[in-house]
Structure formats: C-alpha cells, structure tokens
C-alpha atoms as a PDB file:
ATOM      1  CA  MET A   1     -65.688 -67.066  -3.268  1.00  0.00           C
ATOM      2  CA  ASN A   2     -66.733 -64.481  -5.876  1.00  0.00           C
ATOM      3  CA  ILE A   3     -63.394 -62.610  -5.588  1.00  0.00           C
ATOM      4  CA  SER A   4     -61.488 -65.876  -6.115  1.00  0.00           C
ATOM      5  CA  LYS A   5     -63.537 -66.581  -9.240  1.00  0.00           C
ATOM      6  CA  ASN A   6     -62.826 -63.078 -10.637  1.00  0.00           C
ATOM      7  CA  ILE A   7     -59.111 -63.481  -9.969  1.00  0.00           C
ATOM      8  CA  THR A   8     -59.108 -66.845 -11.753  1.00  0.00           C
ATOM      9  CA  ILE A   9     -60.905 -65.363 -14.765  1.00  0.00           C
ATOM     10  CA  ALA A  10     -58.484 -62.398 -14.878  1.00  0.00           C
ATOM     11  CA  ILE A  11     -55.468 -64.722 -14.741  1.00  0.00           C
ATOM     12  CA  PHE A  12     -56.995 -66.857 -17.500  1.00  0.00           C
ATOM     13  CA  ILE A  13     -57.552 -63.789 -19.723  1.00  0.00           C
ATOM     14  CA  ILE A  14     -53.980 -62.570 -19.156  1.00  0.00           C
ATOM     15  CA  LEU A  15     -52.614 -66.043 -19.938  1.00  0.00           C
ATOM     16  CA  VAL A  16     -54.628 -66.247 -23.165  1.00  0.00           C
ATOM     17  CA  ALA A  17     -53.367 -62.784 -24.201  1.00  0.00           C
ATOM     18  CA  ILE A  18     -49.734 -63.774 -23.557  1.00  0.00           C
ATOM     19  CA  LEU A  19     -50.123 -67.033 -25.483  1.00  0.00           C
ATOM     20  CA  SER A  20     -51.791 -65.187 -28.379  1.00  0.00           C
ATOM     21  CA  ILE A  21     -48.906 -62.711 -28.603  1.00  0.00           C
ATOM     22  CA  ASN A  22     -46.366 -65.560 -28.516  1.00  0.00           C
ATOM     23  CA  PHE A  23     -48.255 -67.453 -31.222  1.00  0.00           C
ATOM     24  CA  TYR A  24     -48.448 -64.337 -33.435  1.00  0.00           C
ATOM     25  CA  THR A  25     -44.707 -63.771 -32.992  1.00  0.00           C
ATOM     26  CA  PHE A  26     -43.994 -67.412 -33.883  1.00  0.00           C
ATOM     27  CA  VAL A  27     -46.210 -67.308 -36.984  1.00  0.00           C
ATOM     28  CA  SER A  28     -44.663 -64.054 -38.226  1.00  0.00           C
ATOM     29  CA  PHE A  29     -41.160 -65.449 -37.617  1.00  0.00           C
ATOM     30  CA  THR A  30     -41.816 -68.674 -39.517  1.00  0.00           C
ATOM     31  CA  LYS A  31     -43.728 -67.101 -42.397  1.00  0.00           C
ATOM     32  CA  LEU A  32     -41.679 -66.880 -45.584  1.00  0.00           C
ATOM     33  CA  ALA A  33     -43.078 -64.450 -48.109  1.00  0.00           C
ATOM     34  CA  GLU A  34     -41.915 -64.394 -51.712  1.00  0.00           C
ATOM     35  CA  PHE A  35     -39.763 -61.386 -52.583  1.00  0.00           C
ATOM     36  CA  ASP A  36     -39.568 -59.622 -55.948  1.00  0.00           C
ATOM     37  CA  VAL A  37     -35.928 -58.770 -56.735  1.00  0.00           C
ATOM     38  CA  SER A  38     -36.605 -57.293 -60.173  1.00  0.00           C
ATOM     39  CA  SER A  39     -35.910 -53.735 -58.983  1.00  0.00           C
ATOM     40  CA  TYR A  40     -32.568 -54.763 -57.418  1.00  0.00           C
ATOM     41  CA  THR A  41     -29.379 -55.030 -59.418  1.00  0.00           C
ATOM     42  CA  ASN A  42     -26.856 -57.774 -58.843  1.00  0.00           C
ATOM     43  CA  ASN A  43     -24.479 -56.621 -61.523  1.00  0.00           C
ATOM     44  CA  GLY A  44     -22.025 -53.790 -61.643  1.00  0.00           C
ATOM     45  CA  ASN A  45     -18.769 -53.175 -59.925  1.00  0.00           C
ATOM     46  CA  ASN A  46     -18.026 -55.800 -57.280  1.00  0.00           C
ATOM     47  CA  GLU A  47     -15.855 -53.220 -55.538  1.00  0.00           C
ATOM     48  CA  ASP A  48     -18.922 -51.191 -54.539  1.00  0.00           C
ATOM     49  CA  LYS A  49     -20.391 -54.017 -52.446  1.00  0.00           C
ATOM     50  CA  ARG A  50     -18.652 -54.912 -49.188  1.00  0.00           C
ATOM     51  CA  TYR A  51     -19.756 -57.610 -46.775  1.00  0.00           C
ATOM     52  CA  CYS A  52     -18.562 -60.058 -44.180  1.00  0.00           C
ATOM     53  CA  VAL A  53     -20.377 -63.018 -42.674  1.00  0.00           C
ATOM     54  CA  ASP A  54     -19.245 -63.190 -39.059  1.00  0.00           C
ATOM     55  CA  SER A  55     -21.164 -66.346 -38.193  1.00  0.00           C
ATOM     56  CA  PHE A  56     -23.396 -68.826 -39.956  1.00  0.00           C
ATOM     57  CA  LYS A  57     -25.166 -71.523 -37.955  1.00  0.00           C
ATOM     58  CA  ASN A  58     -27.025 -74.265 -39.738  1.00  0.00           C
ATOM     59  CA  ASN A  59     -28.951 -75.788 -36.830  1.00  0.00           C
ATOM     60  CA  ALA A  60     -31.378 -78.694 -37.046  1.00  0.00           C
ATOM     61  CA  ASN A  61     -34.425 -76.405 -37.252  1.00  0.00           C
ATOM     62  CA  SER A  62     -33.128 -72.982 -38.178  1.00  0.00           C
ATOM     63  CA  ILE A  63     -30.520 -70.899 -39.957  1.00  0.00           C
ATOM     64  CA  TYR A  64     -28.821 -68.056 -38.110  1.00  0.00           C
ATOM     65  CA  ILE A  65     -26.454 -65.561 -39.743  1.00  0.00           C
ATOM     66  CA  THR A  66     -24.665 -62.410 -38.560  1.00  0.00           C
ATOM     67  CA  GLY A  67     -22.348 -59.977 -40.297  1.00  0.00           C
ATOM     68  CA  TRP A  68     -22.232 -56.629 -42.018  1.00  0.00           C
ATOM     69  CA  THR A  69     -22.720 -55.244 -45.502  1.00  0.00           C
ATOM     70  CA  PHE A  70     -22.726 -51.901 -47.262  1.00  0.00           C
ATOM     71  CA  VAL A  71     -22.397 -50.264 -50.658  1.00  0.00           C
ATOM     72  CA  THR A  72     -19.391 -47.942 -50.864  1.00  0.00           C
ATOM     73  CA  ASN A  73     -19.807 -44.228 -51.426  1.00  0.00           C
ATOM     74  CA  ARG A  74     -23.365 -44.376 -50.110  1.00  0.00           C
ATOM     75  CA  GLU A  75     -24.457 -42.712 -46.874  1.00  0.00           C
ATOM     76  CA  TYR A  76     -25.389 -45.574 -44.599  1.00  0.00           C
ATOM     77  CA  VAL A  77     -27.682 -43.708 -42.253  1.00  0.00           C
ATOM     78  CA  LEU A  78     -31.021 -44.048 -44.048  1.00  0.00           C
ATOM     79  CA  PHE A  79     -31.255 -47.459 -45.650  1.00  0.00           C
ATOM     80  CA  GLU A  80     -33.176 -50.695 -45.641  1.00  0.00           C
ATOM     81  CA  ASN A  81     -31.626 -54.151 -45.629  1.00  0.00           C
ATOM     82  CA  LYS A  82     -33.595 -57.328 -46.127  1.00  0.00           C
ATOM     83  CA  LEU A  83     -32.465 -60.901 -45.665  1.00  0.00           C
ATOM     84  CA  VAL A  84     -33.321 -62.808 -48.834  1.00  0.00           C
ATOM     85  CA  ILE A  85     -33.155 -66.567 -49.306  1.00  0.00           C
ATOM     86  CA  PHE A  86     -32.896 -67.734 -52.899  1.00  0.00           C
ATOM     87  CA  ASN A  87     -34.096 -71.276 -53.562  1.00  0.00           C
ATOM     88  CA  ILE A  88     -31.825 -72.360 -56.413  1.00  0.00           C
ATOM     89  CA  ASP A  89     -34.031 -75.313 -57.334  1.00  0.00           C
ATOM     90  CA  THR A  90     -37.257 -73.293 -57.756  1.00  0.00           C
ATOM     91  CA  GLY A  91     -35.689 -69.957 -58.750  1.00  0.00           C
ATOM     92  CA  LYS A  92     -37.759 -68.081 -56.142  1.00  0.00           C
ATOM     93  CA  TYR A  93     -36.653 -65.535 -53.559  1.00  0.00           C
ATOM     94  CA  TYR A  94     -38.064 -65.393 -50.009  1.00  0.00           C
ATOM     95  CA  LEU A  95     -37.775 -62.868 -47.201  1.00  0.00           C
ATOM     96  CA  GLY A  96     -36.165 -63.945 -43.953  1.00  0.00           C
ATOM     97  CA  ASN A  97     -36.108 -62.098 -40.644  1.00  0.00           C
ATOM     98  CA  ILE A  98     -33.405 -59.494 -40.147  1.00  0.00           C
ATOM     99  CA  THR A  99     -32.405 -57.070 -37.445  1.00  0.00           C
ATOM    100  CA  CYS A 100     -29.978 -54.257 -38.159  1.00  0.00           C
ATOM    101  CA  THR A 101     -27.189 -53.870 -35.619  1.00  0.00           C
ATOM    102  CA  LYS A 102     -24.588 -51.232 -34.795  1.00  0.00           C
ATOM    103  CA  ARG A 103     -21.117 -51.935 -36.200  1.00  0.00           C
ATOM    104  CA  GLU A 104     -18.923 -48.988 -35.320  1.00  0.00           C
ATOM    105  CA  ASP A 105     -15.922 -51.248 -35.960  1.00  0.00           C
ATOM    106  CA  VAL A 106     -16.832 -51.337 -39.657  1.00  0.00           C
ATOM    107  CA  SER A 107     -16.767 -47.537 -39.871  1.00  0.00           C
ATOM    108  CA  LYS A 108     -13.385 -47.482 -38.142  1.00  0.00           C
ATOM    109  CA  VAL A 109     -11.863 -50.024 -40.529  1.00  0.00           C
ATOM    110  CA  PHE A 110     -13.104 -48.265 -43.652  1.00  0.00           C
ATOM    111  CA  SER A 111     -12.488 -44.711 -42.430  1.00  0.00           C
ATOM    112  CA  ASP A 112      -9.061 -44.687 -44.125  1.00  0.00           C
ATOM    113  CA  THR A 113     -10.506 -45.301 -47.591  1.00  0.00           C
ATOM    114  CA  ASP A 114     -13.956 -43.749 -47.206  1.00  0.00           C
ATOM    115  CA  HIS A 115     -13.601 -41.248 -44.348  1.00  0.00           C
ATOM    116  CA  LEU A 116     -16.707 -39.255 -45.264  1.00  0.00           C
ATOM    117  CA  ARG A 117     -19.112 -42.158 -44.813  1.00  0.00           C
ATOM    118  CA  ASN A 118     -20.728 -43.643 -41.733  1.00  0.00           C
ATOM    119  CA  TYR A 119     -21.182 -47.415 -41.808  1.00  0.00           C
ATOM    120  CA  ASP A 120     -22.118 -47.791 -38.123  1.00  0.00           C
ATOM    121  CA  ASN A 121     -25.523 -49.251 -39.050  1.00  0.00           C
ATOM    122  CA  SER A 122     -24.201 -51.826 -41.500  1.00  0.00           C
ATOM    123  CA  GLY A 123     -24.534 -54.842 -39.189  1.00  0.00           C
ATOM    124  CA  PHE A 124     -27.232 -57.483 -39.462  1.00  0.00           C
ATOM    125  CA  THR A 125     -28.555 -60.523 -37.641  1.00  0.00           C
ATOM    126  CA  GLY A 126     -30.844 -62.810 -39.592  1.00  0.00           C
ATOM    127  CA  ALA A 127     -32.733 -66.003 -38.910  1.00  0.00           C
ATOM    128  CA  PHE A 128     -35.388 -68.288 -40.342  1.00  0.00           C
ATOM    129  CA  PHE A 129     -36.780 -71.762 -39.779  1.00  0.00           C
ATOM    130  CA  LYS A 130     -35.606 -74.518 -42.109  1.00  0.00           C
ATOM    131  CA  SER A 131     -38.729 -76.612 -41.772  1.00  0.00           C
ATOM    132  CA  ARG A 132     -40.449 -74.652 -44.498  1.00  0.00           C
ATOM    133  CA  SER A 133     -41.285 -76.701 -47.570  1.00  0.00           C
ATOM    134  CA  LYS A 134     -40.613 -73.627 -49.750  1.00  0.00           C
ATOM    135  CA  LEU A 135     -36.898 -73.942 -48.981  1.00  0.00           C
ATOM    136  CA  LEU A 136     -36.443 -77.632 -49.746  1.00  0.00           C
ATOM    137  CA  GLY A 137     -33.361 -78.156 -51.860  1.00  0.00           C
ATOM    138  CA  ASN A 138     -30.394 -75.864 -52.463  1.00  0.00           C
ATOM    139  CA  ASN A 139     -30.450 -72.265 -51.216  1.00  0.00           C
ATOM    140  CA  LYS A 140     -28.298 -69.122 -51.124  1.00  0.00           C
ATOM    141  CA  ILE A 141     -28.461 -66.091 -48.839  1.00  0.00           C
ATOM    142  CA  PHE A 142     -28.503 -62.492 -50.080  1.00  0.00           C
ATOM    143  CA  ILE A 143     -28.915 -59.058 -48.533  1.00  0.00           C
ATOM    144  CA  ALA A 144     -31.201 -56.689 -50.433  1.00  0.00           C
ATOM    145  CA  TYR A 145     -29.741 -53.199 -49.865  1.00  0.00           C
ATOM    146  CA  ASN A 146     -31.921 -50.146 -50.536  1.00  0.00           C
ATOM    147  CA  ASP A 147     -31.027 -46.550 -49.614  1.00  0.00           C
ATOM    148  CA  GLY A 148     -33.777 -44.923 -51.662  1.00  0.00           C
ATOM    149  CA  GLU A 149     -31.599 -44.358 -54.723  1.00  0.00           C
ATOM    150  CA  VAL A 150     -29.466 -47.474 -55.034  1.00  0.00           C
ATOM    151  CA  LYS A 151     -30.822 -51.003 -54.794  1.00  0.00           C
ATOM    152  CA  ARG A 152     -28.298 -53.835 -54.721  1.00  0.00           C
ATOM    153  CA  LEU A 153     -28.733 -57.554 -54.246  1.00  0.00           C
ATOM    154  CA  ILE A 154     -25.597 -58.602 -52.376  1.00  0.00           C
ATOM    155  CA  ASP A 155     -24.662 -62.283 -52.601  1.00  0.00           C
ATOM    156  CA  LEU A 156     -23.194 -63.328 -49.232  1.00  0.00           C
ATOM    157  CA  ASN A 157     -21.720 -66.484 -50.805  1.00  0.00           C
ATOM    158  CA  VAL A 158     -23.493 -68.694 -48.255  1.00  0.00           C
ATOM    159  CA  LYS A 159     -25.120 -71.856 -49.574  1.00  0.00           C
ATOM    160  CA  PHE A 160     -27.056 -74.492 -47.682  1.00  0.00           C
ATOM    161  CA  GLU A 161     -29.335 -77.417 -48.425  1.00  0.00           C
ATOM    162  CA  ILE A 162     -32.587 -78.473 -46.798  1.00  0.00           C
ATOM    163  CA  LYS A 163     -33.595 -82.080 -47.308  1.00  0.00           C
END
C-alpha cells in the first residue's frame, strides 16, 4: 500500500511539473510587450530592404505569418529579427513571437545580384494571439532587423483588424 501511495504522489508531482511548463509556455506566448523602435530606421533606400510574405493566416484566435526578409549588402549570418506589431490606432509597437528559419532558396535567387552574401537564415515564422486588448483596432506587421551595425524596421505591408 505504501509503494502505491508513493507512485501516486510521484505521478502527481510529474503532472504538476508538466502543467506548469505548459502554462509558462502559454503565458510567454500570449504576452505582448511594448517595443521601442526609436533606434530603428524605416527610411532610406527601399532597394536595400527585401522581403516576401509567403503566408498570412488570420485565424479566429491568432495571427500566423511566414516569409523571409533581409537588408542587401549585409552579411546575414549574425543578425536578430523581431516580429513587431504596430497598433495604428494607439501608435504603439508590440513584440510578437518569431522563429528564424533556413531559406537556402533565398540565397540561390539573389546569388546572381549579390553573390558574396549568404541569406540562408533570412526566413521567419511568427505568431501571436489576437485576443489581446492591446491590439484592438487596426494593426500592421513589421520585422525589426538588427545585425549589430544596421537597424531597419521593415514594413511587410500586412494589415489586419481586431474587433
């Protein structure tokens, strides 16, 4: 009987740990922090910013976006991209969740014009929940590119509304 009780307690502790990790992951995924874009430039030559939105899904509860982006003539090995949601109605920027993905196809396409650069890491997958009151109203999606020297705010020309 005592062994059965210990097994039950161990299973309960493991279950609580798993649920805690899942809850932490959910909270960090849904949390939208404000983002200061003052150190990023959105002006300059439009030719130096390249991007493509491969898919944009505006589901009932979430937004999901995939694509690629880079700044020309910049080495795209050490960089940081952030998914940024701009609430047009409030004028505030918020960070979304982003994962960088391999896009060797992008390097192949641009190797003719920029053969010295590697854009394999230019892909992104981003997502965030729409049920956040901070995003009520009209919104736009940006990528904040930072390679340590150049910081660009790249407008992906994707707009959506949350009512």
